Amino acid sequence: MTAKPTARRARRGSARTAFDRQALIDQLTRSDGGLEDILAKSPRDLTEAEVRRVAEHRLALPPGAEKEALDRFERAFYDDAYGTDPATVDETGRLMAPAARRPVNAAPVPARTIDGIDLSRAVGRLAERVADIAETQGSRDAVRYLQRGLTLLNQAVTEAGGDGTAPAPSDGPMFQDLADDGDPGPKTRAALRTAAARLGAPKVEEAFALGRFEAALRGLSGGAAPGGLRAATSGAFADLFREPAALGPHMPTEEGESLQMTINDLGKVLLGPRGFTSLREDGIIGPKTEAALGRVLKAAGPRRLTETMGRNLGFFLFEPPEPGRRSLLQSAVGRGGGNHFGMI
């Protein structure tokens, strides 16, 4: 005779707990003390009190990358507000207090993204986007996509800092790379706010798409059914380029062309001219693209292929956002329009 299940055993065997959308959004948008909002501001938006708060936090840290980043942040404020000229002395030889060369805010102002959106509002909309994906793919996986994408973006900013194409201050990473554990904790929240502020909401949307694409590539590593690659690529990127619409399997797409460019770039390097025949870059993901992807993916791995895809899509170009540039965030609030990134 089978024993009657206990309450715990009964819960284990019951249906999966319903997804709590609002709980995920609250976790991603929760405030962790306000320091991240201060660090998200440009030097001209800071108050002296806010900079002192950053300094207090820095002094309490052990030596390391975070301490160095905070020191750069403080110096950016003082250089902007007081200049970089040598200190002056009075007639007695005493150092004189520097004079501000511009008005310094006396009262705090709300943090904003580089594209001019209130930071809290932008992060809220981005959290809703993550929740949209979590509705069908689960909360932990959706957060993993975000974490992977933010780490890719962070690494790209660090690399771009050396050639002057990353937003200032560019002499270091925006944050420590994230563990893709699916936990929307303080480090993930801080990275989300920092990236949105420094680079703009559209860049975070792009990063999230790359995180989804990398996960799809991991799923394709063992092979895929016909059409699986096109579905995975479109699922990750289509919303960034066009309004939702059903496209036939033989229609060219921006993400399809960039994928073919990526396969060709890596195939030539990793497989050699004799071991790889370049694809026609027509934007149509068909059997030839699927077969070539299988070979290149095995040689490159999901992360490298995703990084190259991001570069070919232009996601790692860090010019200031153009006015009217379409993003999912702006579309959600009735702003923007047209193609998100222009032609590939």
C-alpha atoms as a PDB file:
ATOM      1  CA  MET A   1       0.000   0.000   0.000  1.00  0.00           C
ATOM      2  CA  THR A   2       1.359   3.379  -0.988  1.00  0.00           C
ATOM      3  CA  ALA A   3       1.748   5.807   1.860  1.00  0.00           C
ATOM      4  CA  LYS A   4      -0.275   8.990   1.761  1.00  0.00           C
ATOM      5  CA  PRO A   5       2.012  11.815   0.600  1.00  0.00           C
ATOM      6  CA  THR A   6       3.067  14.358   3.170  1.00  0.00           C
ATOM      7  CA  ALA A   7       2.385  18.050   2.581  1.00  0.00           C
ATOM      8  CA  ARG A   8       5.994  18.578   1.417  1.00  0.00           C
ATOM      9  CA  ARG A   9       5.858  15.589  -0.954  1.00  0.00           C
ATOM     10  CA  ALA A  10       2.510  16.749  -2.246  1.00  0.00           C
ATOM     11  CA  ARG A  11       3.891  20.188  -3.029  1.00  0.00           C
ATOM     12  CA  ARG A  12       6.829  18.628  -4.869  1.00  0.00           C
ATOM     13  CA  GLY A  13       4.505  16.664  -7.059  1.00  0.00           C
ATOM     14  CA  SER A  14       2.091  19.503  -7.684  1.00  0.00           C
ATOM     15  CA  ALA A  15       1.972  21.784 -10.675  1.00  0.00           C
ATOM     16  CA  ARG A  16       4.746  24.260 -11.253  1.00  0.00           C
ATOM     17  CA  THR A  17       4.371  27.470  -9.278  1.00  0.00           C
ATOM     18  CA  ALA A  18       2.893  30.260 -11.389  1.00  0.00           C
ATOM     19  CA  PHE A  19       5.327  32.887 -12.624  1.00  0.00           C
ATOM     20  CA  ASP A  20       5.135  36.058 -10.533  1.00  0.00           C
ATOM     21  CA  ARG A  21       5.816  38.790 -13.062  1.00  0.00           C
ATOM     22  CA  GLN A  22       5.618  41.693 -10.656  1.00  0.00           C
ATOM     23  CA  ALA A  23       7.972  40.022  -8.184  1.00  0.00           C
ATOM     24  CA  LEU A  24      10.671  39.743 -10.870  1.00  0.00           C
ATOM     25  CA  ILE A  25      10.206  43.362 -11.918  1.00  0.00           C
ATOM     26  CA  ASP A  26      10.422  44.455  -8.278  1.00  0.00           C
ATOM     27  CA  GLN A  27      13.644  42.473  -7.807  1.00  0.00           C
ATOM     28  CA  LEU A  28      15.280  44.051 -10.853  1.00  0.00           C
ATOM     29  CA  THR A  29      14.229  47.604  -9.971  1.00  0.00           C
ATOM     30  CA  ARG A  30      14.741  47.507  -6.200  1.00  0.00           C
ATOM     31  CA  SER A  31      16.886  50.303  -4.763  1.00  0.00           C
ATOM     32  CA  ASP A  32      20.029  49.170  -2.957  1.00  0.00           C
ATOM     33  CA  GLY A  33      20.781  52.345  -1.063  1.00  0.00           C
ATOM     34  CA  GLY A  34      21.052  54.999  -3.736  1.00  0.00           C
ATOM     35  CA  LEU A  35      24.800  54.832  -4.407  1.00  0.00           C
ATOM     36  CA  GLU A  36      24.247  53.256  -7.822  1.00  0.00           C
ATOM     37  CA  ASP A  37      22.030  56.157  -8.860  1.00  0.00           C
ATOM     38  CA  ILE A  38      24.799  58.557  -7.842  1.00  0.00           C
ATOM     39  CA  LEU A  39      27.363  56.587  -9.832  1.00  0.00           C
ATOM     40  CA  ALA A  40      25.023  56.624 -12.819  1.00  0.00           C
ATOM     41  CA  LYS A  41      25.050  60.423 -13.037  1.00  0.00           C
ATOM     42  CA  SER A  42      27.282  62.522 -15.238  1.00  0.00           C
ATOM     43  CA  PRO A  43      29.787  64.820 -13.486  1.00  0.00           C
ATOM     44  CA  ARG A  44      27.647  67.892 -14.213  1.00  0.00           C
ATOM     45  CA  ASP A  45      24.632  66.398 -12.438  1.00  0.00           C
ATOM     46  CA  LEU A  46      26.423  65.649  -9.159  1.00  0.00           C
ATOM     47  CA  THR A  47      26.411  67.564  -5.903  1.00  0.00           C
ATOM     48  CA  GLU A  48      29.414  67.920  -3.610  1.00  0.00           C
ATOM     49  CA  ALA A  49      27.561  65.852  -0.996  1.00  0.00           C
ATOM     50  CA  GLU A  50      27.040  63.000  -3.453  1.00  0.00           C
ATOM     51  CA  VAL A  51      30.726  62.965  -4.374  1.00  0.00           C
ATOM     52  CA  ARG A  52      31.663  62.899  -0.689  1.00  0.00           C
ATOM     53  CA  ARG A  53      29.371  59.908  -0.239  1.00  0.00           C
ATOM     54  CA  VAL A  54      31.203  58.105  -3.034  1.00  0.00           C
ATOM     55  CA  ALA A  55      34.515  58.991  -1.392  1.00  0.00           C
ATOM     56  CA  GLU A  56      33.366  57.578   1.945  1.00  0.00           C
ATOM     57  CA  HIS A  57      32.444  54.315   0.260  1.00  0.00           C
ATOM     58  CA  ARG A  58      35.753  54.212  -1.619  1.00  0.00           C
ATOM     59  CA  LEU A  59      37.813  54.749   1.521  1.00  0.00           C
ATOM     60  CA  ALA A  60      36.109  51.776   3.169  1.00  0.00           C
ATOM     61  CA  LEU A  61      37.033  49.422   0.305  1.00  0.00           C
ATOM     62  CA  PRO A  62      40.164  47.280   0.054  1.00  0.00           C
ATOM     63  CA  PRO A  63      42.540  47.959  -2.850  1.00  0.00           C
ATOM     64  CA  GLY A  64      41.159  46.691  -6.131  1.00  0.00           C
ATOM     65  CA  ALA A  65      39.272  47.470  -9.317  1.00  0.00           C
ATOM     66  CA  GLU A  66      36.178  48.857  -7.600  1.00  0.00           C
ATOM     67  CA  LYS A  67      38.208  51.291  -5.514  1.00  0.00           C
ATOM     68  CA  GLU A  68      40.086  52.463  -8.600  1.00  0.00           C
ATOM     69  CA  ALA A  69      36.829  52.957 -10.503  1.00  0.00           C
ATOM     70  CA  LEU A  70      35.390  55.109  -7.721  1.00  0.00           C
ATOM     71  CA  ASP A  71      38.559  57.186  -7.631  1.00  0.00           C
ATOM     72  CA  ARG A  72      38.194  57.822 -11.375  1.00  0.00           C
ATOM     73  CA  PHE A  73      34.571  58.801 -10.824  1.00  0.00           C
ATOM     74  CA  GLU A  74      35.488  61.378  -8.185  1.00  0.00           C
ATOM     75  CA  ARG A  75      38.316  62.798 -10.287  1.00  0.00           C
ATOM     76  CA  ALA A  76      35.966  63.177 -13.259  1.00  0.00           C
ATOM     77  CA  PHE A  77      33.691  65.390 -11.136  1.00  0.00           C
ATOM     78  CA  TYR A  78      36.475  67.575  -9.761  1.00  0.00           C
ATOM     79  CA  ASP A  79      38.177  67.920 -13.140  1.00  0.00           C
ATOM     80  CA  ASP A  80      34.887  68.986 -14.721  1.00  0.00           C
ATOM     81  CA  ALA A  81      33.870  71.354 -11.924  1.00  0.00           C
ATOM     82  CA  TYR A  82      37.233  72.845 -10.963  1.00  0.00           C
ATOM     83  CA  GLY A  83      39.511  72.162 -13.906  1.00  0.00           C
ATOM     84  CA  THR A  84      42.914  70.535 -14.033  1.00  0.00           C
ATOM     85  CA  ASP A  85      45.168  73.567 -13.626  1.00  0.00           C
ATOM     86  CA  PRO A  86      47.882  73.368 -10.944  1.00  0.00           C
ATOM     87  CA  ALA A  87      46.926  74.532  -7.455  1.00  0.00           C
ATOM     88  CA  THR A  88      47.609  78.202  -6.677  1.00  0.00           C
ATOM     89  CA  VAL A  89      48.962  79.795  -3.494  1.00  0.00           C
ATOM     90  CA  ASP A  90      48.395  83.173  -1.852  1.00  0.00           C
ATOM     91  CA  GLU A  91      51.072  85.712  -0.973  1.00  0.00           C
ATOM     92  CA  THR A  92      51.946  83.760   2.176  1.00  0.00           C
ATOM     93  CA  GLY A  93      52.475  80.538   0.258  1.00  0.00           C
ATOM     94  CA  ARG A  94      49.320  78.821   1.484  1.00  0.00           C
ATOM     95  CA  LEU A  95      47.278  76.775  -0.952  1.00  0.00           C
ATOM     96  CA  MET A  96      44.136  78.559  -2.104  1.00  0.00           C
ATOM     97  CA  ALA A  97      40.818  76.764  -2.359  1.00  0.00           C
ATOM     98  CA  PRO A  98      40.018  76.172  -6.021  1.00  0.00           C
ATOM     99  CA  ALA A  99      37.180  78.144  -7.562  1.00  0.00           C
ATOM    100  CA  ALA A 100      34.495  76.282  -9.471  1.00  0.00           C
ATOM    101  CA  ARG A 101      34.560  77.097 -13.160  1.00  0.00           C
ATOM    102  CA  ARG A 102      30.873  76.261 -13.526  1.00  0.00           C
ATOM    103  CA  PRO A 103      27.817  76.190 -11.232  1.00  0.00           C
ATOM    104  CA  VAL A 104      27.768  73.070  -9.029  1.00  0.00           C
ATOM    105  CA  ASN A 105      24.384  71.605  -8.138  1.00  0.00           C
ATOM    106  CA  ALA A 106      23.336  72.288  -4.563  1.00  0.00           C
ATOM    107  CA  ALA A 107      20.376  69.886  -4.634  1.00  0.00           C
ATOM    108  CA  PRO A 108      20.332  66.357  -6.095  1.00  0.00           C
ATOM    109  CA  VAL A 109      18.743  65.818  -9.486  1.00  0.00           C
ATOM    110  CA  PRO A 110      17.276  62.525 -10.721  1.00  0.00           C
ATOM    111  CA  ALA A 111      19.668  60.206 -12.518  1.00  0.00           C
ATOM    112  CA  ARG A 112      19.076  59.968 -16.255  1.00  0.00           C
ATOM    113  CA  THR A 113      20.313  57.709 -19.003  1.00  0.00           C
ATOM    114  CA  ILE A 114      22.708  59.034 -21.620  1.00  0.00           C
ATOM    115  CA  ASP A 115      19.748  59.181 -24.019  1.00  0.00           C
ATOM    116  CA  GLY A 116      17.838  61.453 -21.643  1.00  0.00           C
ATOM    117  CA  ILE A 117      15.323  59.091 -20.032  1.00  0.00           C
ATOM    118  CA  ASP A 118      14.729  59.093 -16.288  1.00  0.00           C
ATOM    119  CA  LEU A 119      16.892  56.217 -15.062  1.00  0.00           C
ATOM    120  CA  SER A 120      14.291  54.657 -12.781  1.00  0.00           C
ATOM    121  CA  ARG A 121      11.744  54.737 -15.579  1.00  0.00           C
ATOM    122  CA  ALA A 122      14.214  53.233 -18.054  1.00  0.00           C
ATOM    123  CA  VAL A 123      15.210  50.432 -15.689  1.00  0.00           C
ATOM    124  CA  GLY A 124      11.542  49.717 -15.008  1.00  0.00           C
ATOM    125  CA  ARG A 125      10.823  49.334 -18.709  1.00  0.00           C
ATOM    126  CA  LEU A 126      13.881  47.142 -19.191  1.00  0.00           C
ATOM    127  CA  ALA A 127      12.772  44.977 -16.276  1.00  0.00           C
ATOM    128  CA  GLU A 128       9.399  44.581 -17.974  1.00  0.00           C
ATOM    129  CA  ARG A 129      11.204  43.407 -21.100  1.00  0.00           C
ATOM    130  CA  VAL A 130      13.042  40.753 -19.092  1.00  0.00           C
ATOM    131  CA  ALA A 131       9.723  39.748 -17.545  1.00  0.00           C
ATOM    132  CA  ASP A 132       8.188  39.405 -21.028  1.00  0.00           C
ATOM    133  CA  ILE A 133      10.750  36.720 -21.851  1.00  0.00           C
ATOM    134  CA  ALA A 134      10.402  35.136 -18.416  1.00  0.00           C
ATOM    135  CA  GLU A 135       6.700  34.581 -19.123  1.00  0.00           C
ATOM    136  CA  THR A 136       7.579  31.793 -21.559  1.00  0.00           C
ATOM    137  CA  GLN A 137      11.171  30.827 -20.702  1.00  0.00           C
ATOM    138  CA  GLY A 138      11.238  31.128 -16.939  1.00  0.00           C
ATOM    139  CA  SER A 139      12.568  33.763 -14.580  1.00  0.00           C
ATOM    140  CA  ARG A 140      16.016  32.264 -13.988  1.00  0.00           C
ATOM    141  CA  ASP A 141      16.745  31.783 -17.679  1.00  0.00           C
ATOM    142  CA  ALA A 142      15.557  35.303 -18.527  1.00  0.00           C
ATOM    143  CA  VAL A 143      17.826  36.778 -15.852  1.00  0.00           C
ATOM    144  CA  ARG A 144      20.714  34.631 -17.128  1.00  0.00           C
ATOM    145  CA  TYR A 145      20.230  36.120 -20.600  1.00  0.00           C
ATOM    146  CA  LEU A 146      20.429  39.582 -19.063  1.00  0.00           C
ATOM    147  CA  GLN A 147      23.530  38.722 -17.039  1.00  0.00           C
ATOM    148  CA  ARG A 148      25.347  37.199 -20.012  1.00  0.00           C
ATOM    149  CA  GLY A 149      24.457  40.135 -22.219  1.00  0.00           C
ATOM    150  CA  LEU A 150      25.546  42.737 -19.681  1.00  0.00           C
ATOM    151  CA  THR A 151      28.875  40.953 -19.234  1.00  0.00           C
ATOM    152  CA  LEU A 152      29.424  40.904 -23.007  1.00  0.00           C
ATOM    153  CA  LEU A 153      28.612  44.610 -23.144  1.00  0.00           C
ATOM    154  CA  ASN A 154      30.905  45.381 -20.216  1.00  0.00           C
ATOM    155  CA  GLN A 155      33.804  43.558 -21.858  1.00  0.00           C
ATOM    156  CA  ALA A 156      33.182  45.364 -25.151  1.00  0.00           C
ATOM    157  CA  VAL A 157      33.224  48.751 -23.397  1.00  0.00           C
ATOM    158  CA  THR A 158      36.500  47.859 -21.692  1.00  0.00           C
ATOM    159  CA  GLU A 159      38.089  46.834 -24.997  1.00  0.00           C
ATOM    160  CA  ALA A 160      36.759  49.936 -26.764  1.00  0.00           C
ATOM    161  CA  GLY A 161      38.231  52.164 -24.060  1.00  0.00           C
ATOM    162  CA  GLY A 162      41.669  51.715 -25.536  1.00  0.00           C
ATOM    163  CA  ASP A 163      40.676  53.203 -28.898  1.00  0.00           C
ATOM    164  CA  GLY A 164      38.578  56.068 -27.570  1.00  0.00           C
ATOM    165  CA  THR A 165      35.214  54.784 -28.842  1.00  0.00           C
ATOM    166  CA  ALA A 166      33.685  54.034 -25.450  1.00  0.00           C
ATOM    167  CA  PRO A 167      31.781  56.670 -23.458  1.00  0.00           C
ATOM    168  CA  ALA A 168      33.863  58.508 -20.846  1.00  0.00           C
ATOM    169  CA  PRO A 169      35.136  57.563 -18.388  1.00  0.00           C
ATOM    170  CA  SER A 170      36.439  54.688 -20.510  1.00  0.00           C
ATOM    171  CA  ASP A 171      39.613  53.627 -18.709  1.00  0.00           C
ATOM    172  CA  GLY A 172      38.104  50.564 -17.060  1.00  0.00           C
ATOM    173  CA  PRO A 173      35.072  48.262 -16.944  1.00  0.00           C
ATOM    174  CA  MET A 174      31.667  49.635 -15.954  1.00  0.00           C
ATOM    175  CA  PHE A 175      31.265  46.909 -13.323  1.00  0.00           C
ATOM    176  CA  GLN A 176      32.606  43.498 -12.393  1.00  0.00           C
ATOM    177  CA  ASP A 177      31.518  40.779 -14.829  1.00  0.00           C
ATOM    178  CA  LEU A 178      28.401  39.011 -13.633  1.00  0.00           C
ATOM    179  CA  ALA A 179      27.936  35.354 -12.772  1.00  0.00           C
ATOM    180  CA  ASP A 180      25.114  34.000 -14.929  1.00  0.00           C
ATOM    181  CA  ASP A 181      23.329  32.374 -11.997  1.00  0.00           C
ATOM    182  CA  GLY A 182      19.836  33.661 -12.750  1.00  0.00           C
ATOM    183  CA  ASP A 183      19.648  35.567  -9.461  1.00  0.00           C
ATOM    184  CA  PRO A 184      18.480  39.199  -9.899  1.00  0.00           C
ATOM    185  CA  GLY A 185      20.480  40.325  -6.877  1.00  0.00           C
ATOM    186  CA  PRO A 186      22.350  43.538  -6.008  1.00  0.00           C
ATOM    187  CA  LYS A 187      25.225  43.013  -8.472  1.00  0.00           C
ATOM    188  CA  THR A 188      22.846  42.387 -11.364  1.00  0.00           C
ATOM    189  CA  ARG A 189      20.678  45.365 -10.416  1.00  0.00           C
ATOM    190  CA  ALA A 190      23.726  47.619 -10.160  1.00  0.00           C
ATOM    191  CA  ALA A 191      25.056  46.456 -13.536  1.00  0.00           C
ATOM    192  CA  LEU A 192      21.656  47.021 -15.154  1.00  0.00           C
ATOM    193  CA  ARG A 193      21.403  50.583 -13.815  1.00  0.00           C
ATOM    194  CA  THR A 194      25.008  51.409 -14.659  1.00  0.00           C
ATOM    195  CA  ALA A 195      24.774  50.125 -18.231  1.00  0.00           C
ATOM    196  CA  ALA A 196      21.459  51.906 -18.842  1.00  0.00           C
ATOM    197  CA  ALA A 197      22.855  55.172 -17.503  1.00  0.00           C
ATOM    198  CA  ARG A 198      26.234  55.013 -19.225  1.00  0.00           C
ATOM    199  CA  LEU A 199      25.158  53.611 -22.594  1.00  0.00           C
ATOM    200  CA  GLY A 200      21.402  54.132 -22.865  1.00  0.00           C
ATOM    201  CA  ALA A 201      18.442  51.786 -22.755  1.00  0.00           C
ATOM    202  CA  PRO A 202      18.829  50.579 -26.374  1.00  0.00           C
ATOM    203  CA  LYS A 203      22.302  49.216 -25.614  1.00  0.00           C
ATOM    204  CA  VAL A 204      20.887  47.171 -22.746  1.00  0.00           C
ATOM    205  CA  GLU A 205      18.172  45.852 -25.058  1.00  0.00           C
ATOM    206  CA  GLU A 206      20.887  44.810 -27.503  1.00  0.00           C
ATOM    207  CA  ALA A 207      22.857  43.141 -24.716  1.00  0.00           C
ATOM    208  CA  PHE A 208      19.771  41.222 -23.589  1.00  0.00           C
ATOM    209  CA  ALA A 209      19.246  40.033 -27.164  1.00  0.00           C
ATOM    210  CA  LEU A 210      22.851  38.823 -27.322  1.00  0.00           C
ATOM    211  CA  GLY A 211      22.364  36.931 -24.066  1.00  0.00           C
ATOM    212  CA  ARG A 212      19.319  35.214 -25.530  1.00  0.00           C
ATOM    213  CA  PHE A 213      21.210  34.415 -28.727  1.00  0.00           C
ATOM    214  CA  GLU A 214      24.126  32.854 -26.857  1.00  0.00           C
ATOM    215  CA  ALA A 215      21.721  30.641 -24.929  1.00  0.00           C
ATOM    216  CA  ALA A 216      20.098  29.582 -28.199  1.00  0.00           C
ATOM    217  CA  LEU A 217      23.508  28.702 -29.652  1.00  0.00           C
ATOM    218  CA  ARG A 218      24.224  26.498 -26.653  1.00  0.00           C
ATOM    219  CA  GLY A 219      21.002  24.685 -27.412  1.00  0.00           C
ATOM    220  CA  LEU A 220      21.996  24.276 -31.057  1.00  0.00           C
ATOM    221  CA  SER A 221      25.442  22.856 -30.295  1.00  0.00           C
ATOM    222  CA  GLY A 222      24.162  19.305 -30.639  1.00  0.00           C
ATOM    223  CA  GLY A 223      22.340  20.027 -33.887  1.00  0.00           C
ATOM    224  CA  ALA A 224      18.974  21.548 -34.701  1.00  0.00           C
ATOM    225  CA  ALA A 225      15.859  20.727 -36.634  1.00  0.00           C
ATOM    226  CA  PRO A 226      15.455  22.450 -40.015  1.00  0.00           C
ATOM    227  CA  GLY A 227      14.461  26.061 -39.413  1.00  0.00           C
ATOM    228  CA  GLY A 228      15.666  26.001 -35.826  1.00  0.00           C
ATOM    229  CA  LEU A 229      18.536  28.422 -36.437  1.00  0.00           C
ATOM    230  CA  ARG A 230      16.320  30.939 -38.178  1.00  0.00           C
ATOM    231  CA  ALA A 231      13.759  30.746 -35.381  1.00  0.00           C
ATOM    232  CA  ALA A 232      16.423  31.176 -32.707  1.00  0.00           C
ATOM    233  CA  THR A 233      18.060  34.126 -34.456  1.00  0.00           C
ATOM    234  CA  SER A 234      14.779  35.848 -35.190  1.00  0.00           C
ATOM    235  CA  GLY A 235      13.559  35.219 -31.655  1.00  0.00           C
ATOM    236  CA  ALA A 236      16.573  37.002 -30.209  1.00  0.00           C
ATOM    237  CA  PHE A 237      16.891  39.971 -32.561  1.00  0.00           C
ATOM    238  CA  ALA A 238      13.807  40.564 -34.716  1.00  0.00           C
ATOM    239  CA  ASP A 239      12.100  43.001 -32.335  1.00  0.00           C
ATOM    240  CA  LEU A 240      15.140  45.282 -32.451  1.00  0.00           C
ATOM    241  CA  PHE A 241      14.863  45.840 -36.193  1.00  0.00           C
ATOM    242  CA  ARG A 242      11.209  45.840 -37.139  1.00  0.00           C
ATOM    243  CA  GLU A 243       7.690  45.860 -35.851  1.00  0.00           C
ATOM    244  CA  PRO A 244       6.357  42.381 -35.009  1.00  0.00           C
ATOM    245  CA  ALA A 245       5.311  40.741 -38.246  1.00  0.00           C
ATOM    246  CA  ALA A 246       5.238  37.271 -39.735  1.00  0.00           C
ATOM    247  CA  LEU A 247       8.031  36.922 -42.278  1.00  0.00           C
ATOM    248  CA  GLY A 248       8.235  34.003 -44.645  1.00  0.00           C
ATOM    249  CA  PRO A 249      11.193  31.612 -44.431  1.00  0.00           C
ATOM    250  CA  HIS A 250      12.705  33.041 -47.621  1.00  0.00           C
ATOM    251  CA  MET A 251      12.633  36.691 -46.589  1.00  0.00           C
ATOM    252  CA  PRO A 252      15.997  38.388 -45.897  1.00  0.00           C
ATOM    253  CA  THR A 253      16.516  39.903 -42.457  1.00  0.00           C
ATOM    254  CA  GLU A 254      19.120  42.162 -40.853  1.00  0.00           C
ATOM    255  CA  GLU A 255      19.963  39.523 -38.267  1.00  0.00           C
ATOM    256  CA  GLY A 256      20.217  36.862 -40.973  1.00  0.00           C
ATOM    257  CA  GLU A 257      22.758  38.886 -42.932  1.00  0.00           C
ATOM    258  CA  SER A 258      24.798  39.603 -39.797  1.00  0.00           C
ATOM    259  CA  LEU A 259      24.769  35.929 -38.856  1.00  0.00           C
ATOM    260  CA  GLN A 260      26.105  34.990 -42.284  1.00  0.00           C
ATOM    261  CA  MET A 261      28.809  37.648 -41.967  1.00  0.00           C
ATOM    262  CA  THR A 262      29.712  36.193 -38.576  1.00  0.00           C
ATOM    263  CA  ILE A 263      29.893  32.632 -39.896  1.00  0.00           C
ATOM    264  CA  ASN A 264      32.079  33.779 -42.793  1.00  0.00           C
ATOM    265  CA  ASP A 265      34.396  35.809 -40.565  1.00  0.00           C
ATOM    266  CA  LEU A 266      34.980  32.970 -38.117  1.00  0.00           C
ATOM    267  CA  GLY A 267      34.955  30.224 -40.728  1.00  0.00           C
ATOM    268  CA  LYS A 268      37.824  31.797 -42.656  1.00  0.00           C
ATOM    269  CA  VAL A 269      39.896  32.238 -39.499  1.00  0.00           C
ATOM    270  CA  LEU A 270      39.180  28.942 -37.743  1.00  0.00           C
ATOM    271  CA  LEU A 271      38.678  26.526 -40.636  1.00  0.00           C
ATOM    272  CA  GLY A 272      40.887  28.122 -43.273  1.00  0.00           C
ATOM    273  CA  PRO A 273      40.169  28.878 -46.936  1.00  0.00           C
ATOM    274  CA  ARG A 274      40.393  25.192 -47.877  1.00  0.00           C
ATOM    275  CA  GLY A 275      38.186  24.015 -45.062  1.00  0.00           C
ATOM    276  CA  PHE A 276      35.446  26.600 -45.395  1.00  0.00           C
ATOM    277  CA  THR A 277      33.380  27.915 -48.286  1.00  0.00           C
ATOM    278  CA  SER A 278      31.964  31.377 -47.674  1.00  0.00           C
ATOM    279  CA  LEU A 279      28.223  31.818 -47.571  1.00  0.00           C
ATOM    280  CA  ARG A 280      26.329  34.249 -49.717  1.00  0.00           C
ATOM    281  CA  GLU A 281      25.358  37.077 -47.359  1.00  0.00           C
ATOM    282  CA  ASP A 282      21.779  37.460 -48.540  1.00  0.00           C
ATOM    283  CA  GLY A 283      20.069  37.570 -45.140  1.00  0.00           C
ATOM    284  CA  ILE A 284      18.134  34.346 -45.728  1.00  0.00           C
ATOM    285  CA  ILE A 285      18.862  31.636 -43.156  1.00  0.00           C
ATOM    286  CA  GLY A 286      18.420  28.358 -44.991  1.00  0.00           C
ATOM    287  CA  PRO A 287      19.980  24.872 -45.022  1.00  0.00           C
ATOM    288  CA  LYS A 288      23.409  26.123 -46.198  1.00  0.00           C
ATOM    289  CA  THR A 289      23.592  28.665 -43.383  1.00  0.00           C
ATOM    290  CA  GLU A 290      22.499  26.043 -40.862  1.00  0.00           C
ATOM    291  CA  ALA A 291      25.151  23.571 -42.035  1.00  0.00           C
ATOM    292  CA  ALA A 292      27.905  26.199 -41.976  1.00  0.00           C
ATOM    293  CA  LEU A 293      26.845  27.395 -38.535  1.00  0.00           C
ATOM    294  CA  GLY A 294      27.158  23.865 -37.167  1.00  0.00           C
ATOM    295  CA  ARG A 295      30.793  23.633 -38.257  1.00  0.00           C
ATOM    296  CA  VAL A 296      31.766  27.130 -37.124  1.00  0.00           C
ATOM    297  CA  LEU A 297      29.942  26.822 -33.811  1.00  0.00           C
ATOM    298  CA  LYS A 298      31.865  23.651 -33.014  1.00  0.00           C
ATOM    299  CA  ALA A 299      35.158  25.452 -33.704  1.00  0.00           C
ATOM    300  CA  ALA A 300      34.380  28.823 -32.109  1.00  0.00           C
ATOM    301  CA  GLY A 301      31.978  28.045 -29.281  1.00  0.00           C
ATOM    302  CA  PRO A 302      28.807  29.989 -28.391  1.00  0.00           C
ATOM    303  CA  ARG A 303      30.539  32.895 -26.615  1.00  0.00           C
ATOM    304  CA  ARG A 304      32.969  33.800 -29.391  1.00  0.00           C
ATOM    305  CA  LEU A 305      30.301  33.475 -32.039  1.00  0.00           C
ATOM    306  CA  THR A 306      27.980  35.718 -30.019  1.00  0.00           C
ATOM    307  CA  GLU A 307      30.711  38.334 -29.521  1.00  0.00           C
ATOM    308  CA  THR A 308      31.399  38.411 -33.265  1.00  0.00           C
ATOM    309  CA  MET A 309      27.686  38.641 -34.000  1.00  0.00           C
ATOM    310  CA  GLY A 310      27.447  41.620 -31.658  1.00  0.00           C
ATOM    311  CA  ARG A 311      30.260  43.402 -33.478  1.00  0.00           C
ATOM    312  CA  ASN A 312      28.768  42.706 -36.901  1.00  0.00           C
ATOM    313  CA  LEU A 313      25.398  44.010 -35.754  1.00  0.00           C
ATOM    314  CA  GLY A 314      27.056  47.226 -34.588  1.00  0.00           C
ATOM    315  CA  PHE A 315      26.110  46.631 -30.965  1.00  0.00           C
ATOM    316  CA  PHE A 316      29.638  47.411 -29.756  1.00  0.00           C
ATOM    317  CA  LEU A 317      29.825  50.848 -31.350  1.00  0.00           C
ATOM    318  CA  PHE A 318      29.414  53.407 -28.605  1.00  0.00           C
ATOM    319  CA  GLU A 319      28.641  56.727 -30.249  1.00  0.00           C
ATOM    320  CA  PRO A 320      26.124  58.964 -28.451  1.00  0.00           C
ATOM    321  CA  PRO A 321      22.539  57.865 -29.222  1.00  0.00           C
ATOM    322  CA  GLU A 322      20.942  59.553 -32.209  1.00  0.00           C
ATOM    323  CA  PRO A 323      17.759  61.600 -31.629  1.00  0.00           C
ATOM    324  CA  GLY A 324      14.679  59.566 -32.476  1.00  0.00           C
ATOM    325  CA  ARG A 325      16.558  56.257 -32.510  1.00  0.00           C
ATOM    326  CA  ARG A 326      14.009  53.498 -32.081  1.00  0.00           C
ATOM    327  CA  SER A 327      14.160  51.242 -29.043  1.00  0.00           C
ATOM    328  CA  LEU A 328      11.702  48.846 -27.463  1.00  0.00           C
ATOM    329  CA  LEU A 329      11.634  51.138 -24.440  1.00  0.00           C
ATOM    330  CA  GLN A 330      10.705  54.181 -26.478  1.00  0.00           C
ATOM    331  CA  SER A 331       8.132  52.207 -28.449  1.00  0.00           C
ATOM    332  CA  ALA A 332       6.523  51.136 -25.185  1.00  0.00           C
ATOM    333  CA  VAL A 333       5.947  54.762 -24.198  1.00  0.00           C
ATOM    334  CA  GLY A 334       4.878  55.925 -27.620  1.00  0.00           C
ATOM    335  CA  ARG A 335       8.161  57.421 -28.759  1.00  0.00           C
ATOM    336  CA  GLY A 336      10.620  56.726 -31.530  1.00  0.00           C
ATOM    337  CA  GLY A 337       9.983  55.006 -34.812  1.00  0.00           C
ATOM    338  CA  GLY A 338      11.589  53.504 -37.841  1.00  0.00           C
ATOM    339  CA  ASN A 339      14.459  51.096 -38.032  1.00  0.00           C
ATOM    340  CA  HIS A 340      16.414  50.739 -34.813  1.00  0.00           C
ATOM    341  CA  PHE A 341      19.921  50.690 -36.203  1.00  0.00           C
ATOM    342  CA  GLY A 342      19.646  51.455 -39.868  1.00  0.00           C
ATOM    343  CA  MET A 343      20.969  49.187 -42.567  1.00  0.00           C
ATOM    344  CA  ILE A 344      23.647  46.590 -41.849  1.00  0.00           C
END
